[in-house]
Amino acid sequence: MSKSNDLSNEKIQKTALSDEELNDLTVTPSNNNILKATLSKSSAKYDVEQASVKMDRLEQVKSNVTIASIIDLPDPQSTFYDDIPDGGYGWYVAISGFLINFVMFGAGAIWGVFSNAFATGVLEGKATTMQLMGVGSIINVFLNLFSPVSALLSRFGVRCIMFLGSTIMSLGLILAGFSTEVWHVYLTQGMLFGLGCSLVYMSIVAVIPQWFTTRRGTAMGISSAGSGFGGLALSPMASSLIDKYGIGWAYRIIGLMAFGVCCIGTALIRTRLPPGQENKPVRSPIKLSTLKDSNFILMLFGVVIALSGYLVPLYYIPKYCSSQGISTTDSSTIVGVLCAMNALGRLILGYFADRIGRLNMFMIASTCAGLFCMLLWPFAKTYGTMMAFAVVFGFTCGIYYALAAPITATVVGQDDIASGLSLLFIFSSLAAVCPPAASAIQNITPNEGYIGVQMFSGSVYLCGSLICMILKIKMTGSAFSRL
């Protein structure tokens, strides 16, 4: 027995990996036990409170954890793991994700352009700023709230779900063009579009990891880049269509285009799951016991509060630019550049996060985004200064979408990743209430100025970053450790 243990320990020693090597490794049934032992050894230095190598709370988890971890993989004995191509047709699947994100996040990010057009056109005098900001909030609530539920529909097949989601999403945009009352917009672009987004979103993120191992980060990067390019292209496109044909036809044209693009993405998607995998019994990934973890609760507060500041500038910039005499064409360009920098920032900051620590990078980026809102945005009153704000804020503001999943995995551990991510999605929907809250703050600000909105957006970023610092000190015992 002793000899067997010595051989096992020797095997672990020979396969011990550095942190950098672990970042690029995909966990499969064949290497999972060795990785657990290696991870425990490399993470022991963080157990400051116990002053021993016992790992009770903190686990270092692989960096390729994404929201796709909500989905159950095949049985460990399946040959699924033996022939993952790490490319091949998977690149077409990544392109499919690019197209879906182009439409989904692109159309969602430019709600500020449409809301400004509604406020000065069809709904002038019929809807307040708070009511219009609520439409953008509903989009994000439905996207976050129903994404974990969408994972339960996998038995119907990925193409069926994507086509259904694409149809609902595009229909929401087309019908929004016929809106004459604010509640019409809530039902169409708010609820229908948001529900369709949740269906196609979980479909694409569940399939990409089936095709990649070491190149998964690149594939997910290609897919997520569509969100930035979508905002960059659709923002000036929407502004131009509104000026030429009115808001009704602008919605219809973009909706029909969205349906065509999503149909191409649906045709390109292909799953690698073995026969019968999609017919497995459906079970909820949520474990309520996860909410008993104080570190997880603290993390939820930190990342969700920081996320609350993200939508406010994105939706308010067109209205703010109009108040400063900046044309609608220029303001839509500013929003487009912000979206493009958002995508670029996720990739670059995510790369460096693997080296300095993901929670560290989340705090740095959130702090910077908050300071930009409080110190730069109030003084940006021309096209040039607003463009500068869009560049620097856009680069840092979307850090949640790049790092929330791996941070969650680090906090809850490998066994509760699916539950942790599902709960993160659900609670993240609470961040969508901030645009209407910002509108309420503007209403009580003297002369309905924007200083209250700007300070509010920046302060929630800083508050979220501070909570994450408290979490880090609680978990590691140090404010300067790599986590």
Protein backbone atom coordinates (compact mmCIF):
# COMPACT_ATOMS: atom_id res chain seq x y z
CA MET A 1 0.00 0.00 0.00
CA SER A 2 2.83 2.38 0.92
CA LYS A 3 4.62 1.56 -2.30
CA SER A 4 1.47 2.33 -4.30
CA ASN A 5 1.09 5.72 -2.61
CA ASP A 6 4.73 6.55 -3.32
CA LEU A 7 4.23 5.76 -7.00
CA SER A 8 1.08 7.90 -7.10
CA ASN A 9 2.87 10.83 -5.44
CA GLU A 10 5.78 10.43 -7.84
CA LYS A 11 3.35 10.55 -10.78
CA ILE A 12 1.86 13.77 -9.48
CA GLN A 13 5.30 15.29 -8.98
CA LYS A 14 6.31 14.43 -12.54
CA THR A 15 3.14 15.95 -13.93
CA ALA A 16 3.22 19.06 -11.76
CA LEU A 17 2.47 22.03 -13.93
CA SER A 18 3.17 25.71 -13.66
CA ASP A 19 0.35 28.22 -13.38
CA GLU A 20 0.93 29.27 -16.99
CA GLU A 21 0.66 25.65 -18.21
CA LEU A 22 -2.51 25.12 -16.19
CA ASN A 23 -4.11 28.17 -17.80
CA ASP A 24 -3.96 26.48 -21.20
CA LEU A 25 -5.12 23.03 -20.11
CA THR A 26 -8.64 21.66 -20.50
CA VAL A 27 -9.90 19.37 -17.76
CA THR A 28 -10.99 15.95 -19.05
CA PRO A 29 -11.76 12.76 -17.15
CA SER A 30 -8.30 11.38 -17.85
CA ASN A 31 -6.34 14.21 -16.26
CA ASN A 32 -8.84 15.56 -13.74
CA ASN A 33 -7.43 13.78 -10.66
CA ILE A 34 -3.84 14.80 -11.40
CA LEU A 35 -4.94 18.40 -11.98
CA LYS A 36 -6.82 18.48 -8.67
CA ALA A 37 -3.72 17.38 -6.79
CA THR A 38 -1.50 19.85 -8.63
CA LEU A 39 -3.97 22.70 -8.18
CA SER A 40 -4.25 22.00 -4.46
CA LYS A 41 -0.49 22.10 -4.11
CA SER A 42 -0.10 25.35 -6.05
CA SER A 43 -2.97 27.01 -4.18
CA ALA A 44 -1.91 26.12 -0.67
CA LYS A 45 0.01 29.33 -0.21
CA TYR A 46 -3.29 31.23 0.02
CA ASP A 47 -4.48 29.48 3.18
CA VAL A 48 -3.16 32.17 5.47
CA GLU A 49 -5.78 31.81 8.20
CA GLN A 50 -5.07 28.10 8.74
CA ALA A 51 -1.29 28.42 8.26
CA SER A 52 -1.21 24.97 6.68
CA VAL A 53 -1.54 23.24 3.33
CA LYS A 54 -5.17 22.27 3.98
CA MET A 55 -7.45 23.70 1.30
CA ASP A 56 -10.86 24.36 2.78
CA ARG A 57 -12.18 27.37 0.93
CA LEU A 58 -9.93 28.52 -1.90
CA GLU A 59 -9.33 26.57 -5.09
CA GLN A 60 -7.48 27.74 -8.16
CA VAL A 61 -9.60 26.75 -11.15
CA LYS A 62 -8.68 26.51 -14.81
CA SER A 63 -8.86 29.80 -16.70
CA ASN A 64 -10.90 28.42 -19.58
CA VAL A 65 -13.99 28.32 -17.37
CA THR A 66 -16.71 30.29 -19.14
CA ILE A 67 -20.47 30.59 -18.84
CA ALA A 68 -20.60 27.42 -20.94
CA SER A 69 -19.70 25.58 -17.74
CA ILE A 70 -23.42 25.73 -16.89
CA ILE A 71 -23.92 22.96 -19.48
CA ASP A 72 -23.36 19.33 -18.49
CA LEU A 73 -20.68 17.53 -20.53
CA PRO A 74 -21.02 13.89 -21.66
CA ASP A 75 -20.34 10.94 -19.40
CA PRO A 76 -16.66 10.71 -18.39
CA GLN A 77 -16.32 7.34 -20.16
CA SER A 78 -17.49 8.78 -23.49
CA THR A 79 -15.12 8.93 -26.47
CA PHE A 80 -16.19 12.57 -26.77
CA TYR A 81 -12.96 13.60 -25.02
CA ASP A 82 -10.66 11.50 -27.20
CA ASP A 83 -11.04 13.31 -30.51
CA ILE A 84 -11.80 16.99 -29.80
CA PRO A 85 -10.43 18.57 -33.01
CA ASP A 86 -9.27 21.84 -31.39
CA GLY A 87 -10.16 23.57 -34.64
CA GLY A 88 -11.41 22.17 -37.93
CA TYR A 89 -15.10 22.88 -38.37
CA GLY A 90 -14.96 24.53 -34.94
CA TRP A 91 -13.73 27.72 -36.60
CA TYR A 92 -17.03 27.93 -38.50
CA VAL A 93 -18.81 27.51 -35.18
CA ALA A 94 -16.74 30.43 -33.81
CA ILE A 95 -17.77 32.51 -36.84
CA SER A 96 -21.38 31.58 -36.12
CA GLY A 97 -20.89 32.95 -32.60
CA PHE A 98 -19.41 36.14 -34.05
CA LEU A 99 -22.50 36.67 -36.21
CA ILE A 100 -24.93 35.98 -33.36
CA ASN A 101 -23.10 38.34 -30.98
CA PHE A 102 -22.89 40.95 -33.74
CA VAL A 103 -26.67 41.14 -33.89
CA MET A 104 -27.57 40.39 -30.28
CA PHE A 105 -25.20 42.64 -28.35
CA GLY A 106 -24.89 45.16 -31.18
CA ALA A 107 -28.64 45.83 -31.27
CA GLY A 108 -28.85 45.78 -27.48
CA ALA A 109 -25.96 48.20 -26.98
CA ILE A 110 -27.46 50.90 -29.22
CA TRP A 111 -30.71 51.23 -27.30
CA GLY A 112 -29.51 54.69 -26.31
CA VAL A 113 -29.67 55.73 -29.98
CA PHE A 114 -33.24 54.46 -30.33
CA SER A 115 -34.38 55.87 -26.99
CA ASN A 116 -33.15 59.34 -27.97
CA ALA A 117 -35.04 59.04 -31.27
CA PHE A 118 -38.21 57.96 -29.44
CA ALA A 119 -37.89 60.83 -26.96
CA THR A 120 -37.70 63.39 -29.76
CA GLY A 121 -40.16 61.69 -32.12
CA VAL A 122 -42.97 59.16 -31.76
CA LEU A 123 -43.01 59.12 -27.95
CA GLU A 124 -42.28 62.79 -27.34
CA GLY A 125 -44.49 63.84 -24.44
CA LYS A 126 -45.71 60.26 -23.97
CA ALA A 127 -42.74 58.73 -22.15
CA THR A 128 -40.28 60.00 -19.59
CA THR A 129 -36.56 59.33 -19.66
CA MET A 130 -36.98 56.88 -16.78
CA GLN A 131 -39.57 54.88 -18.72
CA LEU A 132 -37.36 54.74 -21.80
CA MET A 133 -34.32 53.68 -19.81
CA GLY A 134 -36.48 50.89 -18.41
CA VAL A 135 -36.71 49.28 -21.86
CA GLY A 136 -32.95 48.78 -21.97
CA SER A 137 -33.13 47.35 -18.47
CA ILE A 138 -35.79 44.82 -19.47
CA ILE A 139 -33.56 43.59 -22.31
CA ASN A 140 -30.77 42.79 -19.89
CA VAL A 141 -33.10 41.35 -17.26
CA PHE A 142 -34.55 38.85 -19.74
CA LEU A 143 -31.12 38.00 -21.15
CA ASN A 144 -29.63 37.24 -17.73
CA LEU A 145 -32.72 35.75 -16.09
CA PHE A 146 -33.60 33.30 -18.82
CA SER A 147 -30.11 32.23 -19.92
CA PRO A 148 -29.84 29.47 -17.25
CA VAL A 149 -33.37 28.36 -18.17
CA SER A 150 -32.35 28.15 -21.84
CA ALA A 151 -29.78 25.53 -20.91
CA LEU A 152 -32.63 23.24 -19.88
CA LEU A 153 -33.97 23.22 -23.48
CA SER A 154 -30.89 21.50 -24.92
CA ARG A 155 -32.84 18.28 -25.61
CA PHE A 156 -34.59 20.00 -28.54
CA GLY A 157 -31.33 20.46 -30.44
CA VAL A 158 -29.09 23.49 -30.77
CA ARG A 159 -30.26 24.49 -34.27
CA CYS A 160 -33.92 24.34 -33.28
CA ILE A 161 -33.29 26.52 -30.23
CA MET A 162 -31.14 28.98 -32.18
CA PHE A 163 -33.71 29.34 -34.95
CA LEU A 164 -36.47 29.88 -32.41
CA GLY A 165 -34.38 32.45 -30.54
CA SER A 166 -33.36 34.21 -33.77
CA THR A 167 -36.99 34.44 -34.87
CA ILE A 168 -38.18 35.85 -31.53
CA MET A 169 -35.25 38.27 -31.35
CA SER A 170 -35.77 39.60 -34.89
CA LEU A 171 -39.54 39.77 -34.43
CA GLY A 172 -39.02 41.89 -31.35
CA LEU A 173 -37.04 44.45 -33.37
CA ILE A 174 -39.45 44.47 -36.33
CA LEU A 175 -42.55 44.90 -34.14
CA ALA A 176 -40.83 47.68 -32.17
CA GLY A 177 -41.00 49.71 -35.38
CA PHE A 178 -44.80 49.80 -35.08
CA SER A 179 -44.75 51.13 -31.50
CA THR A 180 -46.85 54.19 -30.73
CA GLU A 181 -46.85 53.86 -26.92
CA VAL A 182 -44.03 53.16 -24.51
CA TRP A 183 -45.57 49.86 -23.36
CA HIS A 184 -45.40 48.66 -26.96
CA VAL A 185 -41.62 49.05 -26.82
CA TYR A 186 -41.48 47.22 -23.48
CA LEU A 187 -43.26 44.21 -24.99
CA THR A 188 -41.31 44.15 -28.26
CA GLN A 189 -37.71 45.28 -27.93
CA GLY A 190 -37.74 44.75 -24.17
CA MET A 191 -39.31 41.35 -23.59
CA LEU A 192 -39.37 39.65 -27.01
CA PHE A 193 -35.89 40.74 -28.02
CA GLY A 194 -34.46 39.92 -24.57
CA LEU A 195 -36.05 36.46 -24.52
CA GLY A 196 -34.75 35.66 -28.01
CA CYS A 197 -31.28 36.82 -26.97
CA SER A 198 -31.22 34.43 -24.02
CA LEU A 199 -32.03 31.46 -26.27
CA VAL A 200 -29.35 32.10 -28.89
CA TYR A 201 -26.75 33.21 -26.33
CA MET A 202 -26.67 29.98 -24.35
CA SER A 203 -26.84 27.94 -27.55
CA ILE A 204 -23.66 29.41 -28.97
CA VAL A 205 -21.59 29.39 -25.78
CA ALA A 206 -22.53 25.76 -25.13
CA VAL A 207 -21.31 24.53 -28.53
CA ILE A 208 -17.95 26.31 -28.97
CA PRO A 209 -16.21 24.44 -26.09
CA GLN A 210 -17.17 21.14 -27.73
CA TRP A 211 -14.73 21.86 -30.58
CA PHE A 212 -11.72 23.29 -28.77
CA THR A 213 -9.23 22.50 -26.02
CA THR A 214 -6.07 24.64 -25.99
CA ARG A 215 -7.50 27.08 -28.56
CA ARG A 216 -10.76 27.61 -26.72
CA GLY A 217 -9.75 31.11 -25.58
CA THR A 218 -9.07 32.15 -29.18
CA ALA A 219 -12.38 30.73 -30.38
CA MET A 220 -14.35 32.40 -27.58
CA GLY A 221 -12.48 35.63 -28.34
CA ILE A 222 -13.51 35.50 -32.01
CA SER A 223 -17.11 34.87 -30.98
CA SER A 224 -17.24 37.65 -28.37
CA ALA A 225 -15.57 40.14 -30.74
CA GLY A 226 -18.86 40.23 -32.62
CA SER A 227 -20.40 42.26 -29.80
CA GLY A 228 -17.91 45.10 -30.31
CA PHE A 229 -18.12 45.09 -34.09
CA GLY A 230 -21.91 44.93 -33.84
CA GLY A 231 -22.07 48.10 -31.80
CA LEU A 232 -19.51 49.79 -34.03
CA ALA A 233 -21.51 49.02 -37.21
CA LEU A 234 -25.11 49.20 -36.01
CA SER A 235 -24.87 52.46 -34.08
CA PRO A 236 -24.13 54.74 -37.08
CA MET A 237 -26.33 52.52 -39.26
CA ALA A 238 -29.33 53.02 -36.96
CA SER A 239 -28.73 56.77 -36.78
CA SER A 240 -28.54 57.04 -40.57
CA LEU A 241 -31.67 54.94 -41.11
CA ILE A 242 -33.63 56.99 -38.56
CA ASP A 243 -32.64 60.24 -40.28
CA LYS A 244 -33.56 58.95 -43.76
CA TYR A 245 -36.58 56.70 -43.22
CA GLY A 246 -37.78 57.30 -39.66
CA ILE A 247 -37.56 55.11 -36.59
CA GLY A 248 -40.21 52.65 -37.79
CA TRP A 249 -38.40 51.59 -40.94
CA ALA A 250 -35.04 51.72 -39.17
CA TYR A 251 -36.30 49.03 -36.80
CA ARG A 252 -37.76 46.92 -39.62
CA ILE A 253 -34.61 47.06 -41.73
CA ILE A 254 -32.35 46.18 -38.80
CA GLY A 255 -34.77 43.44 -37.70
CA LEU A 256 -34.83 41.83 -41.14
CA MET A 257 -31.05 42.11 -41.39
CA ALA A 258 -30.74 40.53 -37.94
CA PHE A 259 -32.90 37.59 -39.01
CA GLY A 260 -30.78 37.00 -42.12
CA VAL A 261 -27.51 37.15 -40.19
CA CYS A 262 -28.85 34.83 -37.47
CA CYS A 263 -30.06 32.34 -40.09
CA ILE A 264 -26.51 32.15 -41.45
CA GLY A 265 -25.21 31.62 -37.91
CA THR A 266 -27.83 28.91 -37.32
CA ALA A 267 -26.83 27.12 -40.53
CA LEU A 268 -23.16 27.15 -39.51
CA ILE A 269 -23.70 25.82 -35.99
CA ARG A 270 -22.99 22.14 -35.42
CA THR A 271 -22.82 20.15 -32.19
CA ARG A 272 -20.36 17.35 -31.36
CA LEU A 273 -22.36 15.74 -28.57
CA PRO A 274 -22.70 11.96 -28.96
CA PRO A 275 -26.09 10.46 -29.91
CA GLY A 276 -28.52 10.44 -27.01
CA GLN A 277 -26.68 13.15 -25.04
CA GLU A 278 -29.37 15.74 -25.77
CA ASN A 279 -32.07 13.35 -24.51
CA LYS A 280 -30.59 12.96 -21.04
CA PRO A 281 -32.93 13.89 -18.15
CA VAL A 282 -33.09 17.64 -17.63
CA ARG A 283 -31.99 18.92 -14.25
CA SER A 284 -31.47 22.37 -12.85
CA PRO A 285 -27.81 23.35 -12.35
CA ILE A 286 -28.67 25.54 -9.34
CA LYS A 287 -27.77 24.36 -5.84
CA LEU A 288 -29.20 26.57 -3.12
CA SER A 289 -26.41 25.41 -0.82
CA THR A 290 -24.07 27.59 -2.87
CA LEU A 291 -25.72 30.62 -1.26
CA LYS A 292 -24.40 29.49 2.13
CA ASP A 293 -20.86 30.32 0.98
CA SER A 294 -20.02 33.73 2.46
CA ASN A 295 -17.24 34.28 -0.07
CA PHE A 296 -19.66 33.67 -2.94
CA ILE A 297 -22.21 36.09 -1.48
CA LEU A 298 -19.49 38.74 -1.10
CA MET A 299 -18.38 38.12 -4.68
CA LEU A 300 -21.97 38.48 -5.95
CA PHE A 301 -22.29 41.85 -4.24
CA GLY A 302 -18.97 43.03 -5.63
CA VAL A 303 -19.29 42.04 -9.28
CA VAL A 304 -23.02 42.84 -9.61
CA ILE A 305 -22.65 46.29 -8.04
CA ALA A 306 -19.69 47.02 -10.34
CA LEU A 307 -21.72 45.81 -13.33
CA SER A 308 -24.47 48.27 -12.37
CA GLY A 309 -22.39 51.15 -13.69
CA TYR A 310 -21.93 49.61 -17.14
CA LEU A 311 -25.28 50.36 -18.81
CA VAL A 312 -25.72 53.93 -17.56
CA PRO A 313 -23.12 55.67 -19.80
CA LEU A 314 -23.93 53.32 -22.70
CA TYR A 315 -27.61 54.34 -22.73
CA TYR A 316 -27.11 57.96 -21.67
CA ILE A 317 -24.38 59.05 -24.08
CA PRO A 318 -26.75 59.86 -27.03
CA LYS A 319 -29.01 61.94 -24.77
CA TYR A 320 -26.05 63.63 -23.11
CA CYS A 321 -24.43 64.44 -26.47
CA SER A 322 -27.68 65.98 -27.69
CA SER A 323 -27.73 68.26 -24.63
CA GLN A 324 -24.19 69.40 -25.47
CA GLY A 325 -25.01 70.24 -29.08
CA ILE A 326 -23.31 67.18 -30.58
CA SER A 327 -25.17 65.83 -33.62
CA THR A 328 -26.96 62.49 -33.61
CA THR A 329 -24.54 61.20 -36.26
CA ASP A 330 -21.52 62.05 -34.13
CA SER A 331 -23.11 60.67 -30.96
CA SER A 332 -23.86 57.34 -32.69
CA THR A 333 -20.23 57.19 -33.80
CA ILE A 334 -19.14 57.72 -30.19
CA VAL A 335 -21.36 54.83 -29.05
CA GLY A 336 -19.95 52.64 -31.82
CA VAL A 337 -16.36 53.37 -30.81
CA LEU A 338 -17.21 52.65 -27.16
CA CYS A 339 -18.59 49.23 -28.16
CA ALA A 340 -15.51 48.44 -30.25
CA MET A 341 -13.15 49.41 -27.43
CA ASN A 342 -15.27 47.30 -25.10
CA ALA A 343 -14.56 44.17 -27.15
CA LEU A 344 -10.87 45.04 -27.47
CA GLY A 345 -10.57 45.67 -23.73
CA ARG A 346 -12.11 42.30 -22.85
CA LEU A 347 -9.47 40.50 -24.91
CA ILE A 348 -6.43 42.49 -23.76
CA LEU A 349 -7.37 42.80 -20.10
CA GLY A 350 -8.38 39.15 -20.03
CA TYR A 351 -4.93 38.20 -21.33
CA PHE A 352 -3.12 40.14 -18.62
CA ALA A 353 -5.57 38.94 -15.96
CA ASP A 354 -4.12 35.43 -16.27
CA ARG A 355 -0.77 36.89 -15.24
CA ILE A 356 -1.58 39.32 -12.44
CA GLY A 357 -4.70 37.59 -11.11
CA ARG A 358 -8.28 37.80 -12.38
CA LEU A 359 -9.76 39.40 -9.28
CA ASN A 360 -6.88 41.89 -9.27
CA MET A 361 -7.58 42.84 -12.88
CA PHE A 362 -11.31 43.10 -12.21
CA MET A 363 -10.64 45.58 -9.38
CA ILE A 364 -8.16 47.62 -11.42
CA ALA A 365 -10.43 47.89 -14.47
CA SER A 366 -13.55 48.64 -12.39
CA THR A 367 -11.70 51.34 -10.46
CA CYS A 368 -10.48 52.93 -13.68
CA ALA A 369 -13.96 52.83 -15.25
CA GLY A 370 -15.43 54.47 -12.16
CA LEU A 371 -12.80 57.22 -12.12
CA PHE A 372 -13.32 57.91 -15.82
CA CYS A 373 -17.05 58.42 -15.17
CA MET A 374 -16.43 60.75 -12.23
CA LEU A 375 -13.38 62.71 -13.41
CA LEU A 376 -13.52 62.71 -17.22
CA TRP A 377 -17.16 62.43 -18.28
CA PRO A 378 -18.35 65.63 -16.49
CA PHE A 379 -15.79 67.68 -18.44
CA ALA A 380 -16.45 66.02 -21.82
CA LYS A 381 -18.58 68.58 -23.62
CA THR A 382 -17.27 68.41 -27.19
CA TYR A 383 -17.08 65.67 -29.82
CA GLY A 384 -13.35 65.20 -29.24
CA THR A 385 -13.51 64.95 -25.46
CA MET A 386 -16.54 62.64 -25.60
CA MET A 387 -14.66 60.41 -28.04
CA ALA A 388 -11.73 60.30 -25.61
CA PHE A 389 -14.09 59.29 -22.82
CA ALA A 390 -15.64 56.60 -25.02
CA VAL A 391 -12.21 55.13 -25.79
CA VAL A 392 -10.91 54.88 -22.21
CA PHE A 393 -14.23 53.99 -20.59
CA GLY A 394 -15.07 51.48 -23.29
CA PHE A 395 -11.69 49.76 -22.83
CA THR A 396 -12.31 49.10 -19.11
CA CYS A 397 -16.09 49.04 -18.62
CA GLY A 398 -16.83 45.49 -19.86
CA ILE A 399 -14.41 43.63 -17.59
CA TYR A 400 -17.33 41.77 -15.95
CA TYR A 401 -18.05 39.86 -19.15
CA ALA A 402 -14.44 38.74 -19.46
CA LEU A 403 -13.65 37.74 -15.87
CA ALA A 404 -16.87 37.10 -13.92
CA ALA A 405 -16.97 33.41 -14.92
CA PRO A 406 -13.38 32.46 -13.94
CA ILE A 407 -13.62 34.54 -10.74
CA THR A 408 -16.79 32.64 -9.82
CA ALA A 409 -15.02 29.33 -10.46
CA THR A 410 -12.16 30.37 -8.17
CA VAL A 411 -14.55 31.29 -5.36
CA VAL A 412 -17.00 28.37 -5.44
CA GLY A 413 -14.62 25.59 -6.53
CA GLN A 414 -14.80 23.09 -9.34
CA ASP A 415 -17.77 21.09 -8.04
CA ASP A 416 -20.13 24.08 -7.85
CA ILE A 417 -19.17 25.95 -11.02
CA ALA A 418 -22.49 25.35 -12.81
CA SER A 419 -24.52 26.43 -9.79
CA GLY A 420 -22.34 29.47 -9.15
CA LEU A 421 -22.57 30.69 -12.74
CA SER A 422 -26.33 30.15 -12.91
CA LEU A 423 -26.84 32.17 -9.74
CA LEU A 424 -24.46 34.83 -11.05
CA PHE A 425 -26.61 35.19 -14.18
CA ILE A 426 -29.79 35.53 -12.16
CA PHE A 427 -28.43 38.09 -9.71
CA SER A 428 -26.72 40.04 -12.50
CA SER A 429 -30.16 40.91 -13.82
CA LEU A 430 -30.49 43.21 -10.79
CA ALA A 431 -27.82 45.47 -12.29
CA ALA A 432 -30.26 46.38 -15.05
CA VAL A 433 -32.27 48.61 -12.66
CA CYS A 434 -29.52 51.23 -12.67
CA PRO A 435 -30.43 53.14 -15.87
CA PRO A 436 -33.92 53.97 -14.49
CA ALA A 437 -32.33 54.73 -11.11
CA ALA A 438 -29.91 57.11 -12.84
CA SER A 439 -32.89 58.79 -14.51
CA ALA A 440 -34.52 59.30 -11.10
CA ILE A 441 -31.29 60.87 -9.85
CA GLN A 442 -31.26 63.20 -12.85
CA ASN A 443 -34.82 64.28 -12.12
CA ILE A 444 -33.84 65.57 -8.67
CA THR A 445 -30.57 67.12 -9.87
CA PRO A 446 -30.75 70.93 -10.23
CA ASN A 447 -31.71 71.87 -13.79
CA GLU A 448 -31.85 68.12 -14.53
CA GLY A 449 -28.11 68.13 -15.08
CA TYR A 450 -26.02 65.03 -15.64
CA ILE A 451 -23.55 65.38 -12.77
CA GLY A 452 -25.65 63.10 -10.55
CA VAL A 453 -25.80 60.44 -13.27
CA GLN A 454 -22.05 60.63 -13.80
CA MET A 455 -21.22 60.40 -10.11
CA PHE A 456 -23.68 57.54 -9.62
CA SER A 457 -22.22 55.49 -12.47
CA GLY A 458 -18.69 56.00 -11.21
CA SER A 459 -19.50 55.36 -7.56
CA VAL A 460 -21.07 51.93 -8.15
CA TYR A 461 -17.96 50.84 -10.05
CA LEU A 462 -15.77 51.97 -7.15
CA CYS A 463 -18.09 50.40 -4.55
CA GLY A 464 -18.00 47.06 -6.38
CA SER A 465 -14.22 47.20 -6.59
CA LEU A 466 -13.96 47.91 -2.85
CA ILE A 467 -16.16 44.91 -2.02
CA CYS A 468 -13.96 42.72 -4.21
CA MET A 469 -10.93 43.97 -2.28
CA ILE A 470 -12.62 42.93 0.97
CA LEU A 471 -13.28 39.51 -0.58
CA LYS A 472 -9.65 39.17 -1.61
CA ILE A 473 -8.36 40.03 1.88
CA LYS A 474 -10.86 37.61 3.41
CA MET A 475 -9.74 34.77 1.12
CA THR A 476 -5.99 35.35 1.07
CA GLY A 477 -5.25 37.49 4.11
CA SER A 478 -3.39 40.01 1.98
CA ALA A 479 -4.29 42.97 -0.24
CA PHE A 480 -1.27 42.34 -2.50
CA SER A 481 -1.59 38.62 -3.28
CA ARG A 482 -2.21 37.27 -6.78
CA LEU A 483 -5.82 36.19 -7.02
